[in-house]
Amino acid sequence: MAGVAEVVAALEGAAPRLKRLRAQRGATLADLSARTGISKSTLSRLENGQRRPTLELLLALSLTYRVPLDDLVGAPEVGDPRIRLKPGQVKGRTVVPLTAQPGGVQAWKIVVPVTKIDAVLRSHEGHEWLYVLSGRLRLLLDGEDLVLSPGEIAEFDTSVPHWFGSTGDEPAELLSIFRRPGERMVVRTTRAAVPDPIRPAPTRTRRRAPRRPAG
């Protein structure tokens, strides 16, 4: 069980985490204040370490940022046998691994900051699926410039030069599933799918992003 000193240290360490997280999301203090109901002065004092965070404040920030409460304060380990998947930084994006075993199909939750707008195309062997949870995601793929909205999916061969990032308007959150060459997904159902006689089958939309001026 964590002692008082460990709890105090965790709370005092929240300030740089909160400041770094807001910068990664490309949000201003005014933006965060409007979304959480916490005043700008209080948010500023939290990020500068001038005010110790309370549970009420941390819960509001945790819900707004959509991250576990423990990640905001760097809570000490207490012997919980469950796997704790920690976020990391990959090419300027916040990446949370959703699979713990190496090899096989890999899944991640990815947060793309609003500053991630410079496209660098790359290619490698494999196959990837991207599902947008929130925000809008720009995808460059095989000569196309697309913008995906929440609920839209992109599926592509990663040997084709590609890049995904922010549209420059807001951060984007997405799920990524990556399959290496030679691996296959097994689809198994208990019975054949029956079309809904009332609601039409969902359609996949693809919209081209506005062309950006050169230079």
Protein backbone atom coordinates (compact mmCIF):
# COMPACT_ATOMS: atom_id res chain seq x y z
CA MET A 1 0.00 0.00 0.00
CA ALA A 2 1.35 3.42 -0.93
CA GLY A 3 2.49 5.59 1.96
CA VAL A 4 1.70 9.25 2.56
CA ALA A 5 5.07 10.35 1.14
CA GLU A 6 4.43 8.46 -2.12
CA VAL A 7 0.97 9.99 -2.48
CA VAL A 8 2.32 13.50 -1.90
CA ALA A 9 5.11 12.91 -4.43
CA ALA A 10 2.61 11.66 -7.01
CA LEU A 11 0.42 14.75 -6.59
CA GLU A 12 3.39 17.10 -6.77
CA GLY A 13 4.53 15.38 -9.97
CA ALA A 14 1.19 16.06 -11.66
CA ALA A 15 2.12 19.62 -12.72
CA PRO A 16 4.57 18.78 -15.53
CA ARG A 17 2.32 15.94 -16.72
CA LEU A 18 -0.66 18.26 -17.02
CA LYS A 19 1.35 20.90 -18.86
CA ARG A 20 2.87 18.36 -21.24
CA LEU A 21 -0.49 16.73 -21.95
CA ARG A 22 -2.15 20.05 -22.83
CA ALA A 23 0.73 20.89 -25.18
CA GLN A 24 0.43 17.51 -26.88
CA ARG A 25 -3.28 18.10 -27.46
CA GLY A 26 -2.63 21.57 -28.88
CA ALA A 27 -5.07 23.19 -26.43
CA THR A 28 -4.86 26.61 -24.80
CA LEU A 29 -5.77 27.32 -21.20
CA ALA A 30 -8.92 29.02 -22.50
CA ASP A 31 -9.88 25.91 -24.48
CA LEU A 32 -9.33 23.65 -21.48
CA SER A 33 -11.22 26.00 -19.17
CA ALA A 34 -14.25 25.99 -21.48
CA ARG A 35 -14.27 22.18 -21.64
CA THR A 36 -13.70 21.47 -17.95
CA GLY A 37 -15.33 24.42 -16.20
CA ILE A 38 -12.08 25.03 -14.31
CA SER A 39 -10.87 28.64 -14.36
CA LYS A 40 -7.79 29.53 -16.39
CA SER A 41 -6.01 30.79 -13.29
CA THR A 42 -6.58 27.48 -11.49
CA LEU A 43 -5.38 25.51 -14.52
CA SER A 44 -2.28 27.68 -14.76
CA ARG A 45 -1.49 27.20 -11.07
CA LEU A 46 -1.96 23.42 -11.41
CA GLU A 47 0.48 23.29 -14.31
CA ASN A 48 3.04 25.48 -12.52
CA GLY A 49 2.88 23.44 -9.32
CA GLN A 50 1.48 26.37 -7.34
CA ARG A 51 -1.68 24.42 -6.45
CA ARG A 52 -1.96 20.79 -5.42
CA PRO A 53 -4.60 19.01 -7.53
CA THR A 54 -7.74 17.74 -5.83
CA LEU A 55 -9.67 14.65 -6.87
CA GLU A 56 -12.46 16.84 -8.28
CA LEU A 57 -10.03 18.73 -10.53
CA LEU A 58 -8.20 15.59 -11.63
CA LEU A 59 -11.43 13.80 -12.52
CA ALA A 60 -12.54 16.70 -14.72
CA LEU A 61 -9.17 16.71 -16.52
CA SER A 62 -9.10 12.92 -16.82
CA LEU A 63 -12.51 12.91 -18.52
CA THR A 64 -11.59 15.79 -20.83
CA TYR A 65 -8.25 14.30 -21.89
CA ARG A 66 -9.67 10.75 -21.94
CA VAL A 67 -6.75 9.30 -20.04
CA PRO A 68 -6.72 7.22 -16.83
CA LEU A 69 -6.56 9.18 -13.61
CA ASP A 70 -3.36 7.34 -12.63
CA ASP A 71 -1.59 8.70 -15.73
CA LEU A 72 -2.22 12.29 -14.66
CA VAL A 73 -0.47 11.90 -11.33
CA GLY A 74 1.95 9.06 -12.04
CA ALA A 75 0.41 6.97 -9.29
CA PRO A 76 2.80 4.43 -7.72
CA GLU A 77 2.34 0.74 -8.46
CA VAL A 78 0.43 -1.06 -5.70
CA GLY A 79 0.77 -4.67 -6.75
CA ASP A 80 -2.17 -4.69 -9.15
CA PRO A 81 -1.77 -7.90 -11.20
CA ARG A 82 -3.48 -6.38 -14.25
CA ILE A 83 -1.34 -5.23 -17.15
CA ARG A 84 -0.76 -1.48 -17.16
CA LEU A 85 -0.13 -0.27 -20.69
CA LYS A 86 1.78 3.00 -20.60
CA PRO A 87 1.58 5.67 -23.31
CA GLY A 88 4.69 6.62 -25.22
CA GLN A 89 5.77 9.06 -27.92
CA VAL A 90 6.27 7.85 -31.49
CA LYS A 91 6.99 10.36 -34.27
CA GLY A 92 5.30 13.17 -32.31
CA ARG A 93 2.17 11.14 -31.56
CA THR A 94 1.00 9.76 -28.20
CA VAL A 95 0.69 6.00 -28.59
CA VAL A 96 -0.94 3.62 -26.09
CA PRO A 97 -0.29 -0.08 -26.83
CA LEU A 98 -3.42 -2.21 -26.50
CA THR A 99 -1.60 -5.52 -26.98
CA ALA A 100 1.09 -6.63 -24.56
CA GLN A 101 2.59 -9.58 -26.43
CA PRO A 102 5.30 -9.08 -29.08
CA GLY A 103 4.57 -10.42 -32.55
CA GLY A 104 1.17 -11.18 -34.00
CA VAL A 105 -1.45 -8.55 -34.75
CA GLN A 106 -0.71 -5.30 -32.92
CA ALA A 107 -3.24 -2.69 -31.78
CA TRP A 108 -2.73 0.85 -30.52
CA LYS A 109 -4.73 3.88 -29.50
CA ILE A 110 -3.08 6.93 -31.05
CA VAL A 111 -3.56 10.62 -30.26
CA VAL A 112 -2.38 12.89 -33.08
CA PRO A 113 -1.65 16.45 -31.85
CA VAL A 114 -2.84 19.45 -33.80
CA THR A 115 0.79 20.32 -34.58
CA LYS A 116 1.39 17.07 -36.49
CA ILE A 117 0.79 18.49 -39.99
CA ASP A 118 4.10 18.00 -41.82
CA ALA A 119 3.72 15.00 -44.09
CA VAL A 120 6.59 12.53 -44.42
CA LEU A 121 5.57 9.56 -46.56
CA ARG A 122 6.95 6.16 -45.62
CA SER A 123 6.35 2.54 -46.54
CA HIS A 124 6.98 -0.86 -44.95
CA GLU A 125 5.63 -4.37 -45.21
CA GLY A 126 2.28 -5.09 -43.59
CA HIS A 127 -1.38 -4.13 -43.55
CA GLU A 128 -3.05 -1.48 -41.38
CA TRP A 129 -6.54 -0.44 -40.34
CA LEU A 130 -7.24 3.04 -38.92
CA TYR A 131 -10.51 3.84 -37.12
CA VAL A 132 -11.12 7.47 -36.15
CA LEU A 133 -12.58 7.94 -32.66
CA SER A 134 -12.65 11.74 -32.50
CA GLY A 135 -11.38 14.75 -34.42
CA ARG A 136 -10.48 14.61 -38.11
CA LEU A 137 -7.54 12.68 -39.51
CA ARG A 138 -5.68 13.56 -42.70
CA LEU A 139 -4.39 10.56 -44.67
CA LEU A 140 -2.05 10.66 -47.65
CA LEU A 141 -2.12 7.37 -49.53
CA ASP A 142 -1.19 6.38 -53.06
CA GLY A 143 -1.56 9.89 -54.48
CA GLU A 144 -4.81 10.62 -52.60
CA ASP A 145 -5.28 13.29 -49.93
CA LEU A 146 -8.17 12.21 -47.68
CA VAL A 147 -9.82 13.46 -44.49
CA LEU A 148 -11.45 10.88 -42.21
CA SER A 149 -14.09 11.84 -39.63
CA PRO A 150 -15.18 9.96 -36.48
CA GLY A 151 -16.52 6.51 -37.33
CA GLU A 152 -14.69 6.26 -40.66
CA ILE A 153 -12.15 3.54 -41.40
CA ALA A 154 -9.14 3.36 -43.69
CA GLU A 155 -7.61 0.02 -44.67
CA PHE A 156 -4.43 -0.17 -46.73
CA ASP A 157 -1.28 -2.06 -47.63
CA THR A 158 1.57 -0.32 -45.80
CA SER A 159 3.99 -1.04 -48.63
CA VAL A 160 2.21 1.85 -50.38
CA PRO A 161 3.78 5.20 -49.36
CA HIS A 162 1.51 6.74 -46.74
CA TRP A 163 1.26 9.28 -43.90
CA PHE A 164 -1.45 10.30 -41.46
CA GLY A 165 -1.65 13.33 -39.21
CA SER A 166 -3.72 16.31 -38.13
CA THR A 167 -5.76 18.52 -40.44
CA GLY A 168 -4.41 21.43 -38.40
CA ASP A 169 -7.81 22.18 -36.88
CA GLU A 170 -7.96 19.83 -33.87
CA PRO A 171 -6.28 16.74 -32.40
CA ALA A 172 -7.44 13.34 -33.62
CA GLU A 173 -7.84 10.09 -31.69
CA LEU A 174 -7.82 6.77 -33.50
CA LEU A 175 -7.40 3.04 -33.16
CA SER A 176 -4.73 1.34 -35.26
CA ILE A 177 -4.50 -2.38 -36.00
CA PHE A 178 -1.39 -3.57 -37.79
CA ARG A 179 -0.80 -6.98 -39.33
CA ARG A 180 2.62 -8.12 -40.47
CA PRO A 181 3.16 -10.08 -43.71
CA GLY A 182 1.99 -13.67 -43.51
CA GLU A 183 -0.42 -13.05 -40.62
CA ARG A 184 -4.15 -13.39 -41.12
CA MET A 185 -7.21 -12.43 -39.13
CA VAL A 186 -9.83 -15.12 -38.55
CA VAL A 187 -13.44 -13.98 -38.90
CA ARG A 188 -15.87 -16.25 -37.07
CA THR A 189 -19.62 -15.79 -36.66
CA THR A 190 -22.30 -18.01 -35.17
CA ARG A 191 -24.70 -17.50 -38.04
CA ALA A 192 -24.92 -15.75 -41.35
CA ALA A 193 -25.58 -12.04 -41.15
CA VAL A 194 -29.15 -11.07 -42.00
CA PRO A 195 -29.68 -7.66 -43.62
CA ASP A 196 -31.75 -5.26 -41.54
CA PRO A 197 -35.02 -4.71 -43.49
CA ILE A 198 -35.44 -1.23 -42.04
CA ARG A 199 -32.01 0.35 -41.83
CA PRO A 200 -29.81 0.36 -44.91
CA ALA A 201 -26.31 -1.07 -44.65
CA PRO A 202 -23.74 1.57 -43.62
CA THR A 203 -21.71 3.07 -46.42
CA ARG A 204 -18.09 4.10 -46.31
CA THR A 205 -17.44 7.66 -47.35
CA ARG A 206 -14.17 9.02 -48.56
CA ARG A 207 -13.66 12.74 -48.83
CA ARG A 208 -10.73 14.48 -50.38
CA ALA A 209 -9.00 17.10 -48.26
CA PRO A 210 -8.45 20.54 -49.79
CA ARG A 211 -5.16 20.72 -51.63
CA ARG A 212 -2.58 22.71 -49.70
CA PRO A 213 -0.60 25.35 -51.56
CA ALA A 214 2.99 24.44 -52.27
CA GLY A 215 5.77 26.17 -50.39
